[in-house]
Amino acid sequence: MDSKDELVKQHAKVAEDAVAGWEKAENEVVELKQKLEDAADKNIVLEDRVSHLDGALKECVRQLRQFRDEQEKKIQEAVTEMNKMKRHSM
């Protein structure tokens, strides 16, 4: 009977270890799901920020182009005016 009791104890230990392993795996799955959800939330925030920064960059580029165009126009007007003044003084 001792060998049967020993065998039962061994099987019980194996079952307990299996249950403990299963519970540990379930806990790891829960943790990983939470990490995945957190990463997805962070990704959404970052995508929104990238979109905002992209819009701001496009606006800056637009303003720079407008400023450059205005400066070029002023330079052309000044050159034209100088040429007129040169012609009149001759």
PDB file of N, CA and C in Angstrom:
ATOM      1  N   MET A   1       0.795  -1.189   0.000  1.00  0.00           N
ATOM      2  CA  MET A   1       0.000   0.000   0.000  1.00  0.00           C
ATOM      3  C   MET A   1       0.847   1.266   0.000  1.00  0.00           C
ATOM      4  N   ASP A   2       1.994   1.186   0.518  1.00  0.00           N
ATOM      5  CA  ASP A   2       2.873   2.341   0.542  1.00  0.00           C
ATOM      6  C   ASP A   2       3.221   2.813  -0.863  1.00  0.00           C
ATOM      7  N   SER A   3       3.430   1.879  -1.780  1.00  0.00           N
ATOM      8  CA  SER A   3       3.772   2.271  -3.147  1.00  0.00           C
ATOM      9  C   SER A   3       2.582   2.937  -3.832  1.00  0.00           C
ATOM     10  N   LYS A   4       1.363   2.466  -3.503  1.00  0.00           N
ATOM     11  CA  LYS A   4       0.167   3.116  -4.066  1.00  0.00           C
ATOM     12  C   LYS A   4       0.041   4.534  -3.518  1.00  0.00           C
ATOM     13  N   ASP A   5       0.251   4.682  -2.232  1.00  0.00           N
ATOM     14  CA  ASP A   5       0.176   6.014  -1.624  1.00  0.00           C
ATOM     15  C   ASP A   5       1.236   6.941  -2.219  1.00  0.00           C
ATOM     16  N   GLU A   6       2.414   6.378  -2.411  1.00  0.00           N
ATOM     17  CA  GLU A   6       3.499   7.163  -3.003  1.00  0.00           C
ATOM     18  C   GLU A   6       3.149   7.571  -4.427  1.00  0.00           C
ATOM     19  N   LEU A   7       2.571   6.648  -5.184  1.00  0.00           N
ATOM     20  CA  LEU A   7       2.163   6.929  -6.564  1.00  0.00           C
ATOM     21  C   LEU A   7       1.072   8.001  -6.591  1.00  0.00           C
ATOM     22  N   VAL A   8       0.112   7.913  -5.669  1.00  0.00           N
ATOM     23  CA  VAL A   8      -0.956   8.913  -5.580  1.00  0.00           C
ATOM     24  C   VAL A   8      -0.355  10.278  -5.245  1.00  0.00           C
ATOM     25  N   LYS A   9       0.592  10.310  -4.319  1.00  0.00           N
ATOM     26  CA  LYS A   9       1.250  11.569  -3.951  1.00  0.00           C
ATOM     27  C   LYS A   9       1.991  12.163  -5.148  1.00  0.00           C
ATOM     28  N   GLN A  10       2.658  11.286  -5.903  1.00  0.00           N
ATOM     29  CA  GLN A  10       3.387  11.756  -7.082  1.00  0.00           C
ATOM     30  C   GLN A  10       2.436  12.351  -8.117  1.00  0.00           C
ATOM     31  N   HIS A  11       1.320  11.648  -8.341  1.00  0.00           N
ATOM     32  CA  HIS A  11       0.326  12.145  -9.303  1.00  0.00           C
ATOM     33  C   HIS A  11      -0.284  13.466  -8.822  1.00  0.00           C
ATOM     34  N   ALA A  12      -0.537  13.544  -7.519  1.00  0.00           N
ATOM     35  CA  ALA A  12      -1.093  14.777  -6.959  1.00  0.00           C
ATOM     36  C   ALA A  12      -0.099  15.923  -7.137  1.00  0.00           C
ATOM     37  N   LYS A  13       1.174  15.629  -6.903  1.00  0.00           N
ATOM     38  CA  LYS A  13       2.210  16.655  -7.066  1.00  0.00           C
ATOM     39  C   LYS A  13       2.297  17.105  -8.520  1.00  0.00           C
ATOM     40  N   VAL A  14       2.250  16.149  -9.451  1.00  0.00           N
ATOM     41  CA  VAL A  14       2.285  16.482 -10.877  1.00  0.00           C
ATOM     42  C   VAL A  14       1.081  17.346 -11.238  1.00  0.00           C
ATOM     43  N   ALA A  15      -0.098  16.988 -10.724  1.00  0.00           N
ATOM     44  CA  ALA A  15      -1.312  17.754 -11.009  1.00  0.00           C
ATOM     45  C   ALA A  15      -1.204  19.164 -10.430  1.00  0.00           C
ATOM     46  N   GLU A  16      -0.695  19.264  -9.191  1.00  0.00           N
ATOM     47  CA  GLU A  16      -0.527  20.582  -8.571  1.00  0.00           C
ATOM     48  C   GLU A  16       0.451  21.444  -9.372  1.00  0.00           C
ATOM     49  N   ASP A  17       1.550  20.829  -9.794  1.00  0.00           N
ATOM     50  CA  ASP A  17       2.530  21.562 -10.602  1.00  0.00           C
ATOM     51  C   ASP A  17       1.924  22.015 -11.930  1.00  0.00           C
ATOM     52  N   ALA A  18       1.104  21.139 -12.521  1.00  0.00           N
ATOM     53  CA  ALA A  18       0.466  21.485 -13.794  1.00  0.00           C
ATOM     54  C   ALA A  18      -0.494  22.653 -13.607  1.00  0.00           C
ATOM     55  N   VAL A  19      -1.283  22.610 -12.533  1.00  0.00           N
ATOM     56  CA  VAL A  19      -2.226  23.699 -12.252  1.00  0.00           C
ATOM     57  C   VAL A  19      -1.461  24.996 -11.981  1.00  0.00           C
ATOM     58  N   ALA A  20      -0.387  24.905 -11.202  1.00  0.00           N
ATOM     59  CA  ALA A  20       0.411  26.096 -10.901  1.00  0.00           C
ATOM     60  C   ALA A  20       1.011  26.664 -12.189  1.00  0.00           C
ATOM     61  N   GLY A  21       1.500  25.796 -13.054  1.00  0.00           N
ATOM     62  CA  GLY A  21       2.047  26.239 -14.336  1.00  0.00           C
ATOM     63  C   GLY A  21       0.985  26.891 -15.195  1.00  0.00           C
ATOM     64  N   TRP A  22      -0.205  26.308 -15.194  1.00  0.00           N
ATOM     65  CA  TRP A  22      -1.317  26.860 -15.968  1.00  0.00           C
ATOM     66  C   TRP A  22      -1.700  28.246 -15.449  1.00  0.00           C
ATOM     67  N   GLU A  23      -1.793  28.368 -14.127  1.00  0.00           N
ATOM     68  CA  GLU A  23      -2.148  29.662 -13.536  1.00  0.00           C
ATOM     69  C   GLU A  23      -1.078  30.718 -13.830  1.00  0.00           C
ATOM     70  N   LYS A  24       0.188  30.303 -13.761  1.00  0.00           N
ATOM     71  CA  LYS A  24       1.274  31.228 -14.070  1.00  0.00           C
ATOM     72  C   LYS A  24       1.183  31.682 -15.525  1.00  0.00           C
ATOM     73  N   ALA A  25       0.904  30.745 -16.417  1.00  0.00           N
ATOM     74  CA  ALA A  25       0.776  31.080 -17.837  1.00  0.00           C
ATOM     75  C   ALA A  25      -0.400  32.028 -18.061  1.00  0.00           C
ATOM     76  N   GLU A  26      -1.518  31.770 -17.378  1.00  0.00           N
ATOM     77  CA  GLU A  26      -2.681  32.658 -17.507  1.00  0.00           C
ATOM     78  C   GLU A  26      -2.338  34.073 -17.030  1.00  0.00           C
ATOM     79  N   ASN A  27      -1.624  34.173 -15.914  1.00  0.00           N
ATOM     80  CA  ASN A  27      -1.222  35.490 -15.399  1.00  0.00           C
ATOM     81  C   ASN A  27      -0.300  36.205 -16.379  1.00  0.00           C
ATOM     82  N   GLU A  28       0.616  35.464 -16.987  1.00  0.00           N
ATOM     83  CA  GLU A  28       1.511  36.061 -17.978  1.00  0.00           C
ATOM     84  C   GLU A  28       0.728  36.561 -19.187  1.00  0.00           C
ATOM     85  N   VAL A  29      -0.294  35.792 -19.591  1.00  0.00           N
ATOM     86  CA  VAL A  29      -1.128  36.206 -20.720  1.00  0.00           C
ATOM     87  C   VAL A  29      -1.851  37.510 -20.385  1.00  0.00           C
ATOM     88  N   VAL A  30      -2.390  37.601 -19.174  1.00  0.00           N
ATOM     89  CA  VAL A  30      -3.077  38.824 -18.752  1.00  0.00           C
ATOM     90  C   VAL A  30      -2.103  40.006 -18.774  1.00  0.00           C
ATOM     91  N   GLU A  31      -0.899  39.799 -18.245  1.00  0.00           N
ATOM     92  CA  GLU A  31       0.101  40.874 -18.241  1.00  0.00           C
ATOM     93  C   GLU A  31       0.469  41.288 -19.662  1.00  0.00           C
ATOM     94  N   LEU A  32       0.671  40.310 -20.534  1.00  0.00           N
ATOM     95  CA  LEU A  32       1.037  40.618 -21.918  1.00  0.00           C
ATOM     96  C   LEU A  32      -0.094  41.336 -22.650  1.00  0.00           C
ATOM     97  N   LYS A  33      -1.337  40.916 -22.384  1.00  0.00           N
ATOM     98  CA  LYS A  33      -2.473  41.608 -23.001  1.00  0.00           C
ATOM     99  C   LYS A  33      -2.526  43.060 -22.540  1.00  0.00           C
ATOM    100  N   GLN A  34      -2.252  43.295 -21.254  1.00  0.00           N
ATOM    101  CA  GLN A  34      -2.260  44.663 -20.727  1.00  0.00           C
ATOM    102  C   GLN A  34      -1.145  45.484 -21.368  1.00  0.00           C
ATOM    103  N   LYS A  35       0.041  44.880 -21.501  1.00  0.00           N
ATOM    104  CA  LYS A  35       1.151  45.585 -22.147  1.00  0.00           C
ATOM    105  C   LYS A  35       0.812  45.908 -23.596  1.00  0.00           C
ATOM    106  N   LEU A  36       0.172  44.969 -24.278  1.00  0.00           N
ATOM    107  CA  LEU A  36      -0.220  45.197 -25.668  1.00  0.00           C
ATOM    108  C   LEU A  36      -1.240  46.326 -25.764  1.00  0.00           C
ATOM    109  N   GLU A  37      -2.204  46.319 -24.857  1.00  0.00           N
ATOM    110  CA  GLU A  37      -3.216  47.384 -24.842  1.00  0.00           C
ATOM    111  C   GLU A  37      -2.573  48.742 -24.547  1.00  0.00           C
ATOM    112  N   ASP A  38      -1.649  48.757 -23.585  1.00  0.00           N
ATOM    113  CA  ASP A  38      -0.944  50.009 -23.263  1.00  0.00           C
ATOM    114  C   ASP A  38      -0.147  50.509 -24.466  1.00  0.00           C
ATOM    115  N   ALA A  39       0.525  49.579 -25.149  1.00  0.00           N
ATOM    116  CA  ALA A  39       1.313  49.956 -26.327  1.00  0.00           C
ATOM    117  C   ALA A  39       0.402  50.485 -27.433  1.00  0.00           C
ATOM    118  N   ALA A  40      -0.760  49.860 -27.609  1.00  0.00           N
ATOM    119  CA  ALA A  40      -1.704  50.318 -28.634  1.00  0.00           C
ATOM    120  C   ALA A  40      -2.214  51.720 -28.295  1.00  0.00           C
ATOM    121  N   ASP A  41      -2.516  51.955 -27.015  1.00  0.00           N
ATOM    122  CA  ASP A  41      -2.964  53.290 -26.591  1.00  0.00           C
ATOM    123  C   ASP A  41      -1.873  54.331 -26.834  1.00  0.00           C
ATOM    124  N   LYS A  42      -0.642  53.976 -26.484  1.00  0.00           N
ATOM    125  CA  LYS A  42       0.481  54.897 -26.692  1.00  0.00           C
ATOM    126  C   LYS A  42       0.668  55.169 -28.180  1.00  0.00           C
ATOM    127  N   ASN A  43       0.486  54.138 -28.991  1.00  0.00           N
ATOM    128  CA  ASN A  43       0.624  54.285 -30.440  1.00  0.00           C
ATOM    129  C   ASN A  43      -0.410  55.268 -30.983  1.00  0.00           C
ATOM    130  N   ILE A  44      -1.630  55.185 -30.483  1.00  0.00           N
ATOM    131  CA  ILE A  44      -2.687  56.102 -30.918  1.00  0.00           C
ATOM    132  C   ILE A  44      -2.303  57.541 -30.571  1.00  0.00           C
ATOM    133  N   VAL A  45      -1.805  57.736 -29.349  1.00  0.00           N
ATOM    134  CA  VAL A  45      -1.393  59.078 -28.915  1.00  0.00           C
ATOM    135  C   VAL A  45      -0.259  59.590 -29.802  1.00  0.00           C
ATOM    136  N   LEU A  46       0.716  58.712 -30.076  1.00  0.00           N
ATOM    137  CA  LEU A  46       1.856  59.122 -30.900  1.00  0.00           C
ATOM    138  C   LEU A  46       1.434  59.417 -32.334  1.00  0.00           C
ATOM    139  N   GLU A  47       0.518  58.611 -32.877  1.00  0.00           N
ATOM    140  CA  GLU A  47       0.031  58.872 -34.235  1.00  0.00           C
ATOM    141  C   GLU A  47      -0.680  60.218 -34.300  1.00  0.00           C
ATOM    142  N   ASP A  48      -1.444  60.537 -33.264  1.00  0.00           N
ATOM    143  CA  ASP A  48      -2.129  61.829 -33.211  1.00  0.00           C
ATOM    144  C   ASP A  48      -1.108  62.969 -33.152  1.00  0.00           C
ATOM    145  N   ARG A  49      -0.069  62.773 -32.360  1.00  0.00           N
ATOM    146  CA  ARG A  49       0.971  63.802 -32.247  1.00  0.00           C
ATOM    147  C   ARG A  49       1.708  63.979 -33.573  1.00  0.00           C
ATOM    148  N   VAL A  50       2.025  62.863 -34.228  1.00  0.00           N
ATOM    149  CA  VAL A  50       2.704  62.934 -35.530  1.00  0.00           C
ATOM    150  C   VAL A  50       1.836  63.690 -36.524  1.00  0.00           C
ATOM    151  N   SER A  51       0.539  63.397 -36.512  1.00  0.00           N
ATOM    152  CA  SER A  51      -0.380  64.078 -37.421  1.00  0.00           C
ATOM    153  C   SER A  51      -0.394  65.583 -37.140  1.00  0.00           C
ATOM    154  N   HIS A  52      -0.439  65.934 -35.864  1.00  0.00           N
ATOM    155  CA  HIS A  52      -0.434  67.351 -35.476  1.00  0.00           C
ATOM    156  C   HIS A  52       0.865  68.026 -35.922  1.00  0.00           C
ATOM    157  N   LEU A  53       1.995  67.368 -35.656  1.00  0.00           N
ATOM    158  CA  LEU A  53       3.291  67.945 -36.030  1.00  0.00           C
ATOM    159  C   LEU A  53       3.438  68.045 -37.540  1.00  0.00           C
ATOM    160  N   ASP A  54       2.895  67.072 -38.260  1.00  0.00           N
ATOM    161  CA  ASP A  54       2.945  67.112 -39.721  1.00  0.00           C
ATOM    162  C   ASP A  54       2.171  68.323 -40.233  1.00  0.00           C
ATOM    163  N   GLY A  55       1.004  68.557 -39.651  1.00  0.00           N
ATOM    164  CA  GLY A  55       0.214  69.724 -40.037  1.00  0.00           C
ATOM    165  C   GLY A  55       0.942  71.025 -39.730  1.00  0.00           C
ATOM    166  N   ALA A  56       1.579  71.074 -38.555  1.00  0.00           N
ATOM    167  CA  ALA A  56       2.325  72.278 -38.176  1.00  0.00           C
ATOM    168  C   ALA A  56       3.507  72.502 -39.117  1.00  0.00           C
ATOM    169  N   LEU A  57       4.183  71.422 -39.477  1.00  0.00           N
ATOM    170  CA  LEU A  57       5.317  71.537 -40.403  1.00  0.00           C
ATOM    171  C   LEU A  57       4.856  72.037 -41.770  1.00  0.00           C
ATOM    172  N   LYS A  58       3.744  71.503 -42.254  1.00  0.00           N
ATOM    173  CA  LYS A  58       3.216  71.954 -43.549  1.00  0.00           C
ATOM    174  C   LYS A  58       2.862  73.438 -43.503  1.00  0.00           C
ATOM    175  N   GLU A  59       2.304  73.882 -42.383  1.00  0.00           N
ATOM    176  CA  GLU A  59       1.968  75.300 -42.243  1.00  0.00           C
ATOM    177  C   GLU A  59       3.236  76.151 -42.237  1.00  0.00           C
ATOM    178  N   CYS A  60       4.268  75.694 -41.548  1.00  0.00           N
ATOM    179  CA  CYS A  60       5.546  76.433 -41.538  1.00  0.00           C
ATOM    180  C   CYS A  60       6.136  76.529 -42.940  1.00  0.00           C
ATOM    181  N   VAL A  61       6.106  75.431 -43.671  1.00  0.00           N
ATOM    182  CA  VAL A  61       6.634  75.431 -45.041  1.00  0.00           C
ATOM    183  C   VAL A  61       5.833  76.395 -45.905  1.00  0.00           C
ATOM    184  N   ARG A  62       4.503  76.396 -45.735  1.00  0.00           N
ATOM    185  CA  ARG A  62       3.653  77.313 -46.501  1.00  0.00           C
ATOM    186  C   ARG A  62       4.017  78.760 -46.195  1.00  0.00           C
ATOM    187  N   GLN A  63       4.189  79.068 -44.911  1.00  0.00           N
ATOM    188  CA  GLN A  63       4.544  80.433 -44.519  1.00  0.00           C
ATOM    189  C   GLN A  63       5.922  80.826 -45.051  1.00  0.00           C
ATOM    190  N   LEU A  64       6.865  79.904 -45.006  1.00  0.00           N
ATOM    191  CA  LEU A  64       8.201  80.199 -45.538  1.00  0.00           C
ATOM    192  C   LEU A  64       8.153  80.484 -47.033  1.00  0.00           C
ATOM    193  N   ARG A  65       7.381  79.683 -47.758  1.00  0.00           N
ATOM    194  CA  ARG A  65       7.251  79.915 -49.202  1.00  0.00           C
ATOM    195  C   ARG A  65       6.613  81.271 -49.477  1.00  0.00           C
ATOM    196  N   GLN A  66       5.583  81.584 -48.711  1.00  0.00           N
ATOM    197  CA  GLN A  66       4.911  82.874 -48.881  1.00  0.00           C
ATOM    198  C   GLN A  66       5.882  84.016 -48.586  1.00  0.00           C
ATOM    199  N   PHE A  67       6.640  83.895 -47.519  1.00  0.00           N
ATOM    200  CA  PHE A  67       7.615  84.929 -47.168  1.00  0.00           C
ATOM    201  C   PHE A  67       8.661  85.076 -48.267  1.00  0.00           C
ATOM    202  N   ARG A  68       9.162  83.934 -48.760  1.00  0.00           N
ATOM    203  CA  ARG A  68      10.164  83.977 -49.831  1.00  0.00           C
ATOM    204  C   ARG A  68       9.593  84.642 -51.076  1.00  0.00           C
ATOM    205  N   ASP A  69       8.367  84.277 -51.435  1.00  0.00           N
ATOM    206  CA  ASP A  69       7.729  84.886 -52.608  1.00  0.00           C
ATOM    207  C   ASP A  69       7.575  86.396 -52.431  1.00  0.00           C
ATOM    208  N   GLU A  70       7.172  86.807 -51.224  1.00  0.00           N
ATOM    209  CA  GLU A  70       7.023  88.242 -50.959  1.00  0.00           C
ATOM    210  C   GLU A  70       8.374  88.954 -51.053  1.00  0.00           C
ATOM    211  N   GLN A  71       9.416  88.335 -50.531  1.00  0.00           N
ATOM    212  CA  GLN A  71      10.752  88.934 -50.597  1.00  0.00           C
ATOM    213  C   GLN A  71      11.228  89.044 -52.045  1.00  0.00           C
ATOM    214  N   GLU A  72      11.004  87.986 -52.817  1.00  0.00           N
ATOM    215  CA  GLU A  72      11.393  88.028 -54.231  1.00  0.00           C
ATOM    216  C   GLU A  72      10.642  89.133 -54.967  1.00  0.00           C
ATOM    217  N   LYS A  73       9.364  89.289 -54.639  1.00  0.00           N
ATOM    218  CA  LYS A  73       8.565  90.345 -55.269  1.00  0.00           C
ATOM    219  C   LYS A  73       9.113  91.721 -54.897  1.00  0.00           C
ATOM    220  N   LYS A  74       9.450  91.911 -53.616  1.00  0.00           N
ATOM    221  CA  LYS A  74      10.006  93.195 -53.177  1.00  0.00           C
ATOM    222  C   LYS A  74      11.338  93.472 -53.863  1.00  0.00           C
ATOM    223  N   ILE A  75      12.165  92.440 -54.005  1.00  0.00           N
ATOM    224  CA  ILE A  75      13.457  92.616 -54.687  1.00  0.00           C
ATOM    225  C   ILE A  75      13.231  93.017 -56.139  1.00  0.00           C
ATOM    226  N   GLN A  76      12.309  92.340 -56.807  1.00  0.00           N
ATOM    227  CA  GLN A  76      12.017  92.671 -58.209  1.00  0.00           C
ATOM    228  C   GLN A  76      11.486  94.094 -58.336  1.00  0.00           C
ATOM    229  N   GLU A  77      10.619  94.489 -57.406  1.00  0.00           N
ATOM    230  CA  GLU A  77      10.094  95.853 -57.430  1.00  0.00           C
ATOM    231  C   GLU A  77      11.216  96.869 -57.212  1.00  0.00           C
ATOM    232  N   ALA A  78      12.141  96.559 -56.305  1.00  0.00           N
ATOM    233  CA  ALA A  78      13.254  97.472 -56.039  1.00  0.00           C
ATOM    234  C   ALA A  78      14.171  97.569 -57.253  1.00  0.00           C
ATOM    235  N   VAL A  79      14.439  96.437 -57.894  1.00  0.00           N
ATOM    236  CA  VAL A  79      15.286  96.441 -59.093  1.00  0.00           C
ATOM    237  C   VAL A  79      14.611  97.237 -60.200  1.00  0.00           C
ATOM    238  N   THR A  80      13.324  97.034 -60.380  1.00  0.00           N
ATOM    239  CA  THR A  80      12.581  97.773 -61.401  1.00  0.00           C
ATOM    240  C   THR A  80      12.624  99.267 -61.108  1.00  0.00           C
ATOM    241  N   GLU A  81      12.428  99.638 -59.867  1.00  0.00           N
ATOM    242  CA  GLU A  81      12.458 101.052 -59.473  1.00  0.00           C
ATOM    243  C   GLU A  81      13.844 101.654 -59.696  1.00  0.00           C
ATOM    244  N   MET A  82      14.885 100.887 -59.362  1.00  0.00           N
ATOM    245  CA  MET A  82      16.256 101.385 -59.583  1.00  0.00           C
ATOM    246  C   MET A  82      16.530 101.577 -61.067  1.00  0.00           C
ATOM    247  N   ASN A  83      16.061 100.651 -61.879  1.00  0.00           N
ATOM    248  CA  ASN A  83      16.247 100.782 -63.328  1.00  0.00           C
ATOM    249  C   ASN A  83      15.516 102.013 -63.865  1.00  0.00           C
ATOM    250  N   LYS A  84      14.322 102.277 -63.345  1.00  0.00           N
ATOM    251  CA  LYS A  84      13.575 103.470 -63.761  1.00  0.00           C
ATOM    252  C   LYS A  84      14.340 104.730 -63.375  1.00  0.00           C
ATOM    253  N   MET A  85      14.886 104.728 -62.164  1.00  0.00           N
ATOM    254  CA  MET A  85      15.623 105.900 -61.687  1.00  0.00           C
ATOM    255  C   MET A  85      16.885 106.117 -62.518  1.00  0.00           C
ATOM    256  N   LYS A  86      17.535 105.051 -62.904  1.00  0.00           N
ATOM    257  CA  LYS A  86      18.740 105.174 -63.732  1.00  0.00           C
ATOM    258  C   LYS A  86      18.393 105.751 -65.094  1.00  0.00           C
ATOM    259  N   ARG A  87      17.302 105.297 -65.668  1.00  0.00           N
ATOM    260  CA  ARG A  87      16.900 105.786 -66.995  1.00  0.00           C
ATOM    261  C   ARG A  87      16.524 107.262 -66.950  1.00  0.00           C
ATOM    262  N   HIS A  88      15.858 107.664 -65.881  1.00  0.00           N
ATOM    263  CA  HIS A  88      15.440 109.065 -65.770  1.00  0.00           C
ATOM    264  C   HIS A  88      16.622 109.994 -65.492  1.00  0.00           C
ATOM    265  N   SER A  89      17.641 109.497 -64.854  1.00  0.00           N
ATOM    266  CA  SER A  89      18.785 110.359 -64.536  1.00  0.00           C
ATOM    267  C   SER A  89      19.757 110.475 -65.701  1.00  0.00           C
ATOM    268  N   MET A  90      19.588 109.734 -66.735  1.00  0.00           N
ATOM    269  CA  MET A  90      20.499 109.798 -67.887  1.00  0.00           C
ATOM    270  C   MET A  90      20.127 110.856 -68.833  1.00  0.00           C
TER     271      MET A  90
END
